[in-house]
Amino acid sequence: MGLKRSNRRRFLKNSALLAGGLTLGAVKPVGSQTSGSQASSGQTPEPQAYIKGTEELIAYGQRSRFETAIRHSHGGRHSPDAFGLVMHVATPLQESVGVITPSSLHYVATTRGSYIPDIDPKEHRLMVHGMVDRPLTFTMDDLKRLPSVTRLHFVECAANRPSPTAKTIQDSHGMTSCAEWTGVLLSTLLKEAGVQSGASWIVAEGAEEVKGASSIPLAKAMDDCVACYGMNGEAVRPQQGYPLRLLVPGFEGIFNVKWLRRIKVVDQYYMTYNDYGHLRQGHEDAALGYMIGPKSVITYPSAGQQLAGKGFYELKGLAWSGGGTVRRVEVSTDGGRSWKDAEIRGTAHRMAHTRFSLNWNWDGTETLLLSRCTDELGQIQPTRAQVAEFFKVPLTPDYRPPGRDNTIQTWRVASDGSVHNAYA
């Protein structure tokens, strides 16, 4: 029995070495490895290098040095600029996996360019006033004592759209990210203050040096808006509004006010600095312009990437909608002549990025890849041609749909496997 156990242990040890690509008795020492009798005896050599712990790494970890995905400036303006101001910084969607964007890679957008405020949470206050029975001022400790919610939601800038000049998906669609947000429902704060009869809007204001403020329908504020102090399991990052930001699920990113310091309840739509240029000026239909339409984009393969050759590939992408849950994603591998239902990967959450995929055997010929999303309201992601027809304008090569452009993005796969933007 003892001999059998000994032989089994030797077999398992030798199998492990062979599986690792090592030949017994012929290990060449590398770096700090020892040579001679140790190598020839079949002992496992020492690794060439270790990731050594430091106090800093133990206190707060970092990713592998082999992972190189980074954000970059978006929209033609470098961030930080010559004055140290930050404008738009895009997420590398082409390297994303799953649906949650790491906090360090979450896109950044500021109103008109801004320094990132350095706010002491002990000194920060949120005031709720206007048409309320009891004007209130909350400290961060006050907010964290209240019942909290944790929800998965995307945020997206209106600049996120197909573009004829985009060389990668990060250039065209990198101004959207999805995170797990934690905070207090805005309805909890408004109910505590006591909203008065006749109120119909709120104005939310941030603490940046050029005050950012947005008008939001009271019905939306009482529905699912969240005053967030948490993001992906930790405090909201400074670039995302530390110590407190407003999350307005499904609405254009500019209304998700960062560094939130004031909520004023009012009885009419206010044209704020943020709103100018983003909305129609008539208050009757202004709210209709807030919502992000159904959207999807193939992240792999996408522009700037290279296929190894013909054969099997898993097409991967993201879909989302301000109208609620993604119900269906279709993919075309022949330029839109035919469509196949993609598989929804995981659970589709309301107003959150949803991962989809489709198995594809590429025959090596040039082709066009497209995806389109349908949300729970039945809204279907359109083509540029459909939008032009709706607005009764000619479809020219440089035509760009107005507002929040959710038109279909097309990628061209060349016969050599290179992938390009096929803006059309």
Protein backbone atom coordinates (compact mmCIF):
# COMPACT_ATOMS: atom_id res chain seq x y z
CA MET A 1 0.00 0.00 0.00
CA GLY A 2 2.86 2.40 0.90
CA LEU A 3 4.60 1.65 -2.42
CA LYS A 4 1.42 2.38 -4.39
CA ARG A 5 0.97 5.74 -2.63
CA SER A 6 4.62 6.64 -3.26
CA ASN A 7 4.34 5.78 -6.94
CA ARG A 8 1.10 7.79 -7.24
CA ARG A 9 2.72 10.86 -5.66
CA ARG A 10 5.68 10.58 -8.05
CA PHE A 11 3.31 10.22 -11.02
CA LEU A 12 1.29 13.31 -10.04
CA LYS A 13 4.44 15.35 -9.49
CA ASN A 14 5.94 14.38 -12.84
CA SER A 15 2.60 14.96 -14.62
CA ALA A 16 2.39 18.49 -13.22
CA LEU A 17 5.84 19.29 -14.52
CA LEU A 18 5.09 17.89 -17.96
CA ALA A 19 1.77 19.75 -18.13
CA GLY A 20 3.69 22.95 -17.49
CA GLY A 21 5.88 22.31 -20.51
CA LEU A 22 8.98 21.26 -18.53
CA THR A 23 11.21 18.31 -19.38
CA LEU A 24 12.47 16.37 -16.36
CA GLY A 25 16.20 16.63 -15.87
CA ALA A 26 16.64 19.35 -18.53
CA VAL A 27 15.59 22.59 -16.86
CA LYS A 28 17.73 25.56 -17.83
CA PRO A 29 18.24 28.02 -14.97
CA VAL A 30 16.83 31.51 -15.60
CA GLY A 31 17.45 34.64 -13.55
CA SER A 32 17.42 33.70 -9.89
CA GLN A 33 16.94 29.97 -10.53
CA THR A 34 19.62 27.67 -9.17
CA SER A 35 21.51 25.36 -11.49
CA GLY A 36 23.25 22.02 -11.24
CA SER A 37 21.92 19.39 -8.91
CA GLN A 38 18.56 21.08 -8.23
CA ALA A 39 17.62 21.31 -11.92
CA SER A 40 18.83 17.82 -12.75
CA SER A 41 16.98 16.34 -9.77
CA GLY A 42 13.61 17.33 -11.24
CA GLN A 43 12.71 19.89 -8.56
CA THR A 44 10.44 22.72 -9.61
CA PRO A 45 12.62 25.74 -10.47
CA GLU A 46 12.12 29.05 -8.70
CA PRO A 47 10.03 31.59 -10.68
CA GLN A 48 11.96 34.32 -12.47
CA ALA A 49 10.23 37.12 -10.59
CA TYR A 50 7.78 37.68 -7.79
CA ILE A 51 5.19 40.39 -7.32
CA LYS A 52 6.45 41.63 -4.00
CA GLY A 53 4.14 43.18 -1.49
CA THR A 54 4.63 46.73 -0.28
CA GLU A 55 2.68 48.62 2.32
CA GLU A 56 0.99 50.55 -0.48
CA LEU A 57 -0.06 47.43 -2.39
CA ILE A 58 -1.31 45.76 0.75
CA ALA A 59 -3.33 48.83 1.69
CA TYR A 60 -4.86 49.26 -1.80
CA GLY A 61 -4.27 46.78 -4.62
CA GLN A 62 -3.39 47.35 -8.24
CA ARG A 63 -3.88 45.43 -11.48
CA SER A 64 -1.25 43.31 -13.22
CA ARG A 65 1.43 45.16 -15.17
CA PHE A 66 0.38 43.07 -18.17
CA GLU A 67 -3.07 44.70 -18.27
CA THR A 68 -2.81 47.97 -20.17
CA ALA A 69 -6.36 49.22 -20.85
CA ILE A 70 -6.49 52.97 -20.30
CA ARG A 71 -8.88 55.88 -20.82
CA HIS A 72 -8.08 58.64 -23.29
CA SER A 73 -9.26 62.14 -24.11
CA HIS A 74 -12.44 62.39 -26.15
CA GLY A 75 -13.89 65.01 -28.49
CA GLY A 76 -10.68 66.64 -29.68
CA ARG A 77 -9.78 68.38 -26.43
CA HIS A 78 -6.88 66.99 -24.41
CA SER A 79 -7.45 66.33 -20.71
CA PRO A 80 -5.97 67.78 -18.67
CA ASP A 81 -5.53 70.85 -20.86
CA ALA A 82 -2.91 73.57 -20.51
CA PHE A 83 -4.79 74.98 -17.52
CA GLY A 84 -5.16 71.61 -15.78
CA LEU A 85 -8.87 71.37 -16.63
CA VAL A 86 -10.58 68.08 -17.42
CA MET A 87 -13.19 67.82 -20.16
CA HIS A 88 -14.09 64.38 -21.57
CA VAL A 89 -12.21 61.12 -20.97
CA ALA A 90 -13.42 57.90 -22.64
CA THR A 91 -13.70 54.30 -21.39
CA PRO A 92 -11.87 51.55 -23.38
CA LEU A 93 -14.99 49.53 -24.26
CA GLN A 94 -12.96 47.42 -26.70
CA GLU A 95 -11.24 45.75 -23.75
CA SER A 96 -14.26 45.50 -21.43
CA VAL A 97 -15.58 42.22 -20.05
CA GLY A 98 -18.85 41.74 -18.22
CA VAL A 99 -21.05 44.77 -17.65
CA ILE A 100 -19.48 46.65 -14.72
CA THR A 101 -16.92 49.31 -15.60
CA PRO A 102 -14.04 49.47 -13.07
CA SER A 103 -14.09 52.78 -11.21
CA SER A 104 -10.63 53.63 -12.56
CA LEU A 105 -11.83 53.20 -16.16
CA HIS A 106 -15.26 54.85 -15.82
CA TYR A 107 -15.67 57.66 -18.35
CA VAL A 108 -15.39 61.26 -17.15
CA ALA A 109 -17.33 64.25 -18.42
CA THR A 110 -17.43 67.69 -16.89
CA THR A 111 -19.58 70.67 -17.74
CA ARG A 112 -17.54 73.13 -19.81
CA GLY A 113 -14.26 71.77 -18.41
CA SER A 114 -13.55 71.84 -14.71
CA TYR A 115 -11.10 71.31 -11.92
CA ILE A 116 -12.09 68.28 -9.85
CA PRO A 117 -13.20 69.61 -6.45
CA ASP A 118 -11.29 68.29 -3.43
CA ILE A 119 -14.14 68.04 -0.90
CA ASP A 120 -13.81 67.03 2.73
CA PRO A 121 -16.85 64.79 3.37
CA LYS A 122 -17.03 66.02 6.97
CA GLU A 123 -17.64 69.54 5.68
CA HIS A 124 -19.96 68.66 2.79
CA ARG A 125 -23.68 69.42 3.03
CA LEU A 126 -26.74 68.70 0.90
CA MET A 127 -29.54 71.24 1.18
CA VAL A 128 -33.14 70.44 0.17
CA HIS A 129 -35.31 73.55 -0.05
CA GLY A 130 -37.77 75.48 -2.20
CA MET A 131 -41.37 74.28 -2.29
CA VAL A 132 -41.06 72.04 0.78
CA ASP A 133 -42.63 72.12 4.22
CA ARG A 134 -39.34 71.64 6.06
CA PRO A 135 -36.11 72.87 4.40
CA LEU A 136 -33.40 70.40 5.41
CA THR A 137 -29.62 70.22 5.38
CA PHE A 138 -27.98 66.79 5.44
CA THR A 139 -24.42 65.90 6.41
CA MET A 140 -22.82 62.81 4.87
CA ASP A 141 -23.30 61.02 8.19
CA ASP A 142 -27.00 61.94 8.10
CA LEU A 143 -27.35 60.44 4.62
CA LYS A 144 -25.57 57.22 5.56
CA ARG A 145 -27.96 56.69 8.48
CA LEU A 146 -30.94 56.58 6.11
CA PRO A 147 -32.20 53.45 4.28
CA SER A 148 -29.97 52.77 1.27
CA VAL A 149 -30.29 51.08 -2.11
CA THR A 150 -27.68 49.48 -4.37
CA ARG A 151 -28.42 49.39 -8.09
CA LEU A 152 -26.66 48.75 -11.38
CA HIS A 153 -27.02 51.61 -13.89
CA PHE A 154 -25.25 53.04 -16.91
CA VAL A 155 -24.38 56.70 -17.39
CA GLU A 156 -23.90 58.13 -20.88
CA CYS A 157 -22.89 61.47 -22.39
CA ALA A 158 -24.76 62.92 -25.37
CA ALA A 159 -21.40 62.98 -27.20
CA ASN A 160 -21.51 59.17 -27.33
CA ARG A 161 -22.44 58.33 -30.92
CA PRO A 162 -21.24 56.85 -34.22
CA SER A 163 -18.76 59.17 -35.87
CA PRO A 164 -17.06 59.12 -39.28
CA THR A 165 -13.76 60.15 -37.69
CA ALA A 166 -13.69 57.48 -34.95
CA LYS A 167 -10.81 55.04 -35.31
CA THR A 168 -11.91 52.79 -32.42
CA ILE A 169 -15.03 52.08 -30.40
CA GLN A 170 -13.42 54.07 -27.59
CA ASP A 171 -13.53 57.12 -29.86
CA SER A 172 -17.16 56.65 -30.84
CA HIS A 173 -18.81 54.99 -27.83
CA GLY A 174 -16.38 55.36 -24.94
CA MET A 175 -18.49 58.01 -23.21
CA THR A 176 -20.67 55.45 -21.46
CA SER A 177 -19.93 53.28 -18.45
CA CYS A 178 -21.91 51.10 -16.05
CA ALA A 179 -21.37 50.78 -12.32
CA GLU A 180 -22.98 49.53 -9.14
CA TRP A 181 -24.23 52.60 -7.29
CA THR A 182 -25.14 52.87 -3.60
CA GLY A 183 -26.96 55.70 -1.87
CA VAL A 184 -30.28 57.11 -0.69
CA LEU A 185 -33.33 57.38 -2.91
CA LEU A 186 -34.01 61.01 -3.65
CA SER A 187 -37.66 60.33 -2.90
CA THR A 188 -36.67 59.54 0.71
CA LEU A 189 -35.11 62.99 1.12
CA LEU A 190 -37.98 64.79 -0.63
CA LYS A 191 -40.61 63.00 1.48
CA GLU A 192 -38.67 63.91 4.61
CA ALA A 193 -38.74 67.56 3.54
CA GLY A 194 -42.41 67.41 2.54
CA VAL A 195 -43.02 68.41 -1.09
CA GLN A 196 -45.73 71.03 -1.41
CA SER A 197 -48.72 70.95 -3.72
CA GLY A 198 -48.04 72.52 -7.08
CA ALA A 199 -44.38 71.48 -7.25
CA SER A 200 -43.47 69.79 -10.55
CA TRP A 201 -39.69 70.08 -11.06
CA ILE A 202 -36.45 70.03 -9.09
CA VAL A 203 -33.21 71.86 -9.82
CA ALA A 204 -30.11 69.89 -8.76
CA GLU A 205 -26.83 71.78 -8.28
CA GLY A 206 -23.23 70.64 -7.91
CA ALA A 207 -20.23 72.24 -6.21
CA GLU A 208 -17.81 72.75 -9.12
CA GLU A 209 -16.36 76.22 -9.64
CA VAL A 210 -18.78 76.95 -12.54
CA LYS A 211 -21.95 75.75 -10.89
CA GLY A 212 -23.50 72.83 -12.72
CA ALA A 213 -27.28 72.56 -12.32
CA SER A 214 -29.99 70.58 -14.08
CA SER A 215 -33.79 70.68 -14.12
CA ILE A 216 -35.44 67.28 -13.63
CA PRO A 217 -39.15 66.45 -13.54
CA LEU A 218 -40.40 65.87 -10.01
CA ALA A 219 -42.03 62.62 -11.15
CA LYS A 220 -38.59 61.27 -12.11
CA ALA A 221 -37.02 62.53 -8.88
CA MET A 222 -39.69 60.68 -6.87
CA ASP A 223 -39.29 57.52 -8.95
CA ASP A 224 -35.76 56.14 -9.12
CA CYS A 225 -33.17 58.93 -8.67
CA VAL A 226 -30.45 58.20 -6.11
CA ALA A 227 -28.12 60.45 -4.12
CA CYS A 228 -25.03 58.23 -4.36
CA TYR A 229 -22.08 58.05 -2.00
CA GLY A 230 -20.95 54.57 -3.12
CA MET A 231 -19.66 53.17 -6.41
CA ASN A 232 -18.57 49.60 -7.10
CA GLY A 233 -18.33 48.78 -3.41
CA GLU A 234 -16.34 51.82 -2.28
CA ALA A 235 -16.76 55.58 -2.01
CA VAL A 236 -17.61 57.42 -5.22
CA ARG A 237 -14.37 58.55 -6.90
CA PRO A 238 -13.58 62.30 -7.00
CA GLN A 239 -13.93 62.33 -10.80
CA GLN A 240 -17.41 60.86 -10.34
CA GLY A 241 -18.59 63.41 -7.77
CA TYR A 242 -17.10 62.52 -4.37
CA PRO A 243 -18.50 62.59 -1.80
CA LEU A 244 -22.05 62.72 -3.28
CA ARG A 245 -23.53 62.66 -6.75
CA LEU A 246 -26.98 62.40 -8.23
CA LEU A 247 -27.85 59.40 -10.37
CA VAL A 248 -30.78 59.85 -12.76
CA PRO A 249 -31.20 56.41 -14.38
CA GLY A 250 -31.73 56.42 -18.13
CA PHE A 251 -31.33 60.19 -18.56
CA GLU A 252 -28.50 61.91 -20.41
CA GLY A 253 -25.30 62.04 -18.37
CA ILE A 254 -25.26 65.81 -17.84
CA PHE A 255 -28.29 65.53 -15.55
CA ASN A 256 -26.44 63.15 -13.21
CA VAL A 257 -25.09 66.09 -11.18
CA LYS A 258 -21.72 65.50 -9.49
CA TRP A 259 -20.56 66.90 -6.13
CA LEU A 260 -24.26 67.30 -5.30
CA ARG A 261 -24.89 70.06 -2.80
CA ARG A 262 -28.39 71.46 -3.40
CA ILE A 263 -31.87 70.31 -4.45
CA LYS A 264 -34.46 73.02 -4.99
CA VAL A 265 -38.10 72.02 -5.50
CA VAL A 266 -39.87 74.35 -7.94
CA ASP A 267 -43.15 74.69 -9.83
CA GLN A 268 -41.80 75.07 -13.37
CA TYR A 269 -39.01 74.07 -15.73
CA TYR A 270 -35.87 76.18 -15.26
CA MET A 271 -33.43 76.64 -18.15
CA THR A 272 -30.10 76.11 -16.37
CA TYR A 273 -26.56 76.53 -17.61
CA ASN A 274 -26.25 72.77 -18.13
CA ASP A 275 -29.50 72.52 -20.06
CA TYR A 276 -28.67 75.16 -22.64
CA GLY A 277 -27.85 73.53 -25.95
CA HIS A 278 -29.00 70.11 -24.76
CA LEU A 279 -32.79 70.51 -24.72
CA ARG A 280 -35.61 72.15 -26.54
CA GLN A 281 -36.50 75.30 -24.66
CA GLY A 282 -40.23 74.60 -24.32
CA HIS A 283 -40.87 73.14 -20.88
CA GLU A 284 -43.86 71.12 -22.14
CA ASP A 285 -41.69 68.62 -24.00
CA ALA A 286 -38.29 69.21 -22.40
CA ALA A 287 -38.45 66.03 -20.32
CA LEU A 288 -38.91 63.95 -23.47
CA GLY A 289 -35.44 64.94 -24.57
CA TYR A 290 -33.73 63.49 -21.50
CA MET A 291 -34.01 59.75 -22.10
CA ILE A 292 -31.30 57.70 -23.82
CA GLY A 293 -32.81 55.57 -26.59
CA PRO A 294 -32.10 51.84 -27.09
CA LYS A 295 -28.51 51.35 -28.08
CA SER A 296 -26.01 48.58 -28.77
CA VAL A 297 -22.52 48.20 -30.13
CA ILE A 298 -20.29 45.23 -30.94
CA THR A 299 -17.15 45.53 -28.79
CA TYR A 300 -15.33 42.55 -30.36
CA PRO A 301 -14.41 42.62 -33.10
CA SER A 302 -14.49 46.39 -33.43
CA ALA A 303 -12.50 49.07 -35.23
CA GLY A 304 -8.77 48.93 -34.63
CA GLN A 305 -8.76 45.22 -33.80
CA GLN A 306 -7.33 42.37 -35.90
CA LEU A 307 -8.76 38.90 -36.50
CA ALA A 308 -6.21 36.07 -36.72
CA GLY A 309 -7.82 34.50 -39.78
CA LYS A 310 -10.98 32.79 -40.91
CA GLY A 311 -12.72 30.47 -38.49
CA PHE A 312 -14.74 30.61 -35.28
CA TYR A 313 -15.20 33.80 -33.26
CA GLU A 314 -17.55 34.84 -30.48
CA LEU A 315 -18.98 38.24 -31.36
CA LYS A 316 -19.38 40.26 -28.16
CA GLY A 317 -21.07 43.53 -27.37
CA LEU A 318 -23.02 45.77 -25.01
CA ALA A 319 -26.63 46.99 -25.19
CA TRP A 320 -28.50 49.49 -23.01
CA SER A 321 -31.55 51.75 -22.96
CA GLY A 322 -32.93 54.61 -20.92
CA GLY A 323 -36.33 53.07 -21.60
CA GLY A 324 -35.70 50.18 -19.22
CA THR A 325 -34.51 46.61 -19.69
CA VAL A 326 -32.92 45.32 -22.89
CA ARG A 327 -35.32 42.68 -24.25
CA ARG A 328 -33.60 41.65 -27.46
CA VAL A 329 -30.37 42.15 -29.37
CA GLU A 330 -29.98 41.13 -33.01
CA VAL A 331 -26.70 40.85 -34.91
CA SER A 332 -26.06 40.91 -38.64
CA THR A 333 -22.84 39.53 -40.12
CA ASP A 334 -23.75 40.38 -43.72
CA GLY A 335 -24.30 44.12 -43.69
CA GLY A 336 -27.92 44.04 -42.52
CA ARG A 337 -29.35 41.65 -45.12
CA SER A 338 -30.16 39.09 -42.42
CA TRP A 339 -30.34 39.18 -38.63
CA LYS A 340 -29.87 36.61 -35.87
CA ASP A 341 -30.86 36.83 -32.22
CA ALA A 342 -27.84 37.24 -29.98
CA GLU A 343 -27.65 35.56 -26.59
CA ILE A 344 -28.15 37.82 -23.57
CA ARG A 345 -25.32 37.01 -21.19
CA GLY A 346 -26.33 37.12 -17.53
CA THR A 347 -29.25 39.13 -16.20
CA ALA A 348 -30.51 42.19 -18.08
CA HIS A 349 -31.01 44.96 -15.51
CA ARG A 350 -33.11 48.08 -16.03
CA MET A 351 -31.14 50.99 -17.46
CA ALA A 352 -27.86 49.08 -17.25
CA HIS A 353 -25.34 47.73 -19.72
CA THR A 354 -26.28 44.26 -20.91
CA ARG A 355 -23.74 41.86 -22.40
CA PHE A 356 -24.65 39.93 -25.56
CA SER A 357 -22.82 37.46 -27.80
CA LEU A 358 -23.22 35.47 -31.02
CA ASN A 359 -21.16 32.56 -32.33
CA TRP A 360 -19.77 33.32 -35.78
CA ASN A 361 -17.76 31.35 -38.32
CA TRP A 362 -15.96 33.84 -40.54
CA ASP A 363 -15.24 32.59 -44.07
CA GLY A 364 -12.47 35.12 -44.65
CA THR A 365 -14.36 37.40 -47.03
CA GLU A 366 -14.96 41.10 -46.39
CA THR A 367 -18.20 41.78 -44.53
CA LEU A 368 -20.05 44.26 -42.32
CA LEU A 369 -21.04 43.64 -38.68
CA LEU A 370 -24.02 45.39 -37.06
CA SER A 371 -26.15 45.05 -33.92
CA ARG A 372 -29.52 46.49 -32.93
CA CYS A 373 -31.30 46.61 -29.58
CA THR A 374 -34.97 46.42 -28.60
CA ASP A 375 -35.97 47.56 -25.10
CA GLU A 376 -38.93 46.75 -22.86
CA LEU A 377 -40.94 49.65 -24.33
CA GLY A 378 -40.65 48.06 -27.78
CA GLN A 379 -38.31 50.78 -29.04
CA ILE A 380 -35.90 49.52 -31.72
CA GLN A 381 -32.48 50.98 -32.37
CA PRO A 382 -32.62 52.74 -35.78
CA THR A 383 -30.23 53.19 -38.69
CA ARG A 384 -29.07 56.63 -39.82
CA ALA A 385 -31.24 56.22 -42.92
CA GLN A 386 -34.35 55.66 -40.78
CA VAL A 387 -33.61 58.75 -38.70
CA ALA A 388 -33.06 60.86 -41.82
CA GLU A 389 -36.34 59.61 -43.25
CA PHE A 390 -38.14 60.42 -39.99
CA PHE A 391 -36.86 64.00 -40.05
CA LYS A 392 -37.43 64.22 -43.80
CA VAL A 393 -33.86 65.21 -44.62
CA PRO A 394 -31.52 63.73 -47.23
CA LEU A 395 -29.11 61.03 -46.09
CA THR A 396 -25.70 62.43 -47.00
CA PRO A 397 -22.31 60.94 -46.02
CA ASP A 398 -21.82 63.66 -43.39
CA TYR A 399 -25.39 63.58 -42.00
CA ARG A 400 -25.40 63.29 -38.22
CA PRO A 401 -28.73 62.68 -36.41
CA PRO A 402 -29.68 65.39 -33.91
CA GLY A 403 -29.91 64.96 -30.16
CA ARG A 404 -28.94 61.70 -28.48
CA ASP A 405 -27.80 59.66 -31.47
CA ASN A 406 -28.55 55.98 -30.86
CA THR A 407 -28.17 54.83 -34.47
CA ILE A 408 -26.60 51.51 -35.42
CA GLN A 409 -22.80 51.30 -35.55
CA THR A 410 -21.31 49.33 -38.44
CA TRP A 411 -17.87 47.68 -38.43
CA ARG A 412 -16.16 46.51 -41.64
CA VAL A 413 -14.09 43.34 -41.46
CA ALA A 414 -11.56 43.34 -44.31
CA SER A 415 -10.35 40.13 -45.97
CA ASP A 416 -7.03 40.43 -44.09
CA GLY A 417 -8.88 40.38 -40.75
CA SER A 418 -8.44 44.07 -39.95
CA VAL A 419 -11.53 45.79 -38.55
CA HIS A 420 -12.54 49.34 -39.45
CA ASN A 421 -15.23 51.95 -38.77
CA ALA A 422 -17.82 51.77 -41.55
CA TYR A 423 -19.84 54.87 -40.71
CA ALA A 424 -22.93 54.58 -42.88
